[in-house]
Amino acid sequence: MDLSFITNYFVPVVMAGCLATGYVVKKWIKDVDNKYIPTIVFIEGAILNCIVMNNVTVESIVGGAICGLASTGLHQAFTRLIENKEN
């Protein structure tokens, strides 16, 4: 299965914004449960991508949502990498 079409929807600025928001919510807002962070960055990614692309289409919404969820995975990868170096 070829998933190279996903790179057409990848917007690094949206992913970085979602990564920063997810980090801030996790570290500084103690009342938010961790299970809500992917939903928050999912919605933020969809909105940011529509703003960056200057249009609201299903493709821009889904692409932004994917970038938001990818930021969650990126955060987890960095966390695991850092924890393994310390142990």
Protein backbone atom coordinates (compact mmCIF):
# COMPACT_ATOMS: atom_id res chain seq x y z
CA MET A 1 0.00 0.00 0.00
CA ASP A 2 1.42 3.36 -1.05
CA LEU A 3 0.87 6.13 1.49
CA SER A 4 2.97 8.77 -0.24
CA PHE A 5 -0.13 10.88 -0.91
CA ILE A 6 -0.14 11.81 2.79
CA THR A 7 2.90 14.04 2.23
CA ASN A 8 0.69 16.34 0.15
CA TYR A 9 -1.31 17.18 3.28
CA PHE A 10 1.61 17.57 5.68
CA VAL A 11 2.12 21.18 6.80
CA PRO A 12 5.08 21.59 9.19
CA VAL A 13 3.83 24.93 10.56
CA VAL A 14 0.52 23.38 11.60
CA MET A 15 2.27 20.41 13.16
CA ALA A 16 4.67 22.65 15.11
CA GLY A 17 1.78 24.78 16.37
CA CYS A 18 -0.11 21.71 17.53
CA LEU A 19 3.02 20.28 19.14
CA ALA A 20 3.53 23.50 21.10
CA THR A 21 -0.11 23.64 22.18
CA GLY A 22 -0.08 20.01 23.27
CA TYR A 23 3.07 20.58 25.30
CA VAL A 24 1.68 23.67 27.00
CA VAL A 25 -1.60 21.93 27.84
CA LYS A 26 0.23 18.88 29.23
CA LYS A 27 2.77 20.78 31.33
CA TRP A 28 0.97 23.90 32.48
CA ILE A 29 -2.74 23.15 32.65
CA LYS A 30 -3.18 20.52 35.34
CA ASP A 31 -6.99 20.31 35.12
CA VAL A 32 -6.93 18.83 31.59
CA ASP A 33 -6.77 15.04 31.47
CA ASN A 34 -4.13 13.62 29.09
CA LYS A 35 -6.77 11.77 27.09
CA TYR A 36 -8.18 15.10 25.83
CA ILE A 37 -4.89 16.42 24.41
CA PRO A 38 -5.13 14.48 21.09
CA THR A 39 -8.65 15.82 20.61
CA ILE A 40 -7.49 19.37 21.31
CA VAL A 41 -4.63 19.22 18.80
CA PHE A 42 -6.87 17.41 16.28
CA ILE A 43 -9.31 20.33 16.29
CA GLU A 44 -6.54 22.93 16.38
CA GLY A 45 -4.79 21.28 13.43
CA ALA A 46 -7.98 21.32 11.36
CA ILE A 47 -8.58 25.01 12.11
CA LEU A 48 -4.95 26.08 11.60
CA ASN A 49 -4.66 24.26 8.30
CA CYS A 50 -7.76 26.01 6.97
CA ILE A 51 -6.20 29.34 7.96
CA VAL A 52 -2.80 28.49 6.43
CA MET A 53 -4.29 27.15 3.19
CA ASN A 54 -6.74 30.07 2.92
CA ASN A 55 -9.64 27.78 2.10
CA VAL A 56 -12.04 25.51 3.90
CA THR A 57 -12.31 22.18 2.14
CA VAL A 58 -12.62 18.64 3.37
CA GLU A 59 -9.03 18.01 2.29
CA SER A 60 -7.65 20.95 4.26
CA ILE A 61 -9.65 19.96 7.36
CA VAL A 62 -8.54 16.33 7.22
CA GLY A 63 -4.93 17.27 6.44
CA GLY A 64 -4.80 19.60 9.41
CA ALA A 65 -6.38 17.05 11.69
CA ILE A 66 -3.76 14.50 10.61
CA CYS A 67 -0.99 17.02 11.33
CA GLY A 68 -2.48 17.59 14.78
CA LEU A 69 -2.53 13.89 15.57
CA ALA A 70 0.97 13.48 14.13
CA SER A 71 2.18 16.11 16.59
CA THR A 72 0.96 13.87 19.41
CA GLY A 73 2.96 10.98 18.00
CA LEU A 74 6.01 13.18 17.55
CA HIS A 75 5.81 14.27 21.19
CA GLN A 76 5.60 10.65 22.31
CA ALA A 77 8.59 9.68 20.14
CA PHE A 78 10.73 12.48 21.62
CA THR A 79 9.62 11.60 25.14
CA ARG A 80 10.56 7.95 24.70
CA LEU A 81 13.89 8.88 23.13
CA ILE A 82 14.78 11.21 26.00
CA GLU A 83 13.66 8.74 28.70
CA ASN A 84 15.75 5.93 27.21
CA LYS A 85 18.87 8.11 27.22
CA GLU A 86 18.43 8.95 30.89
CA ASN A 87 18.00 5.32 32.00
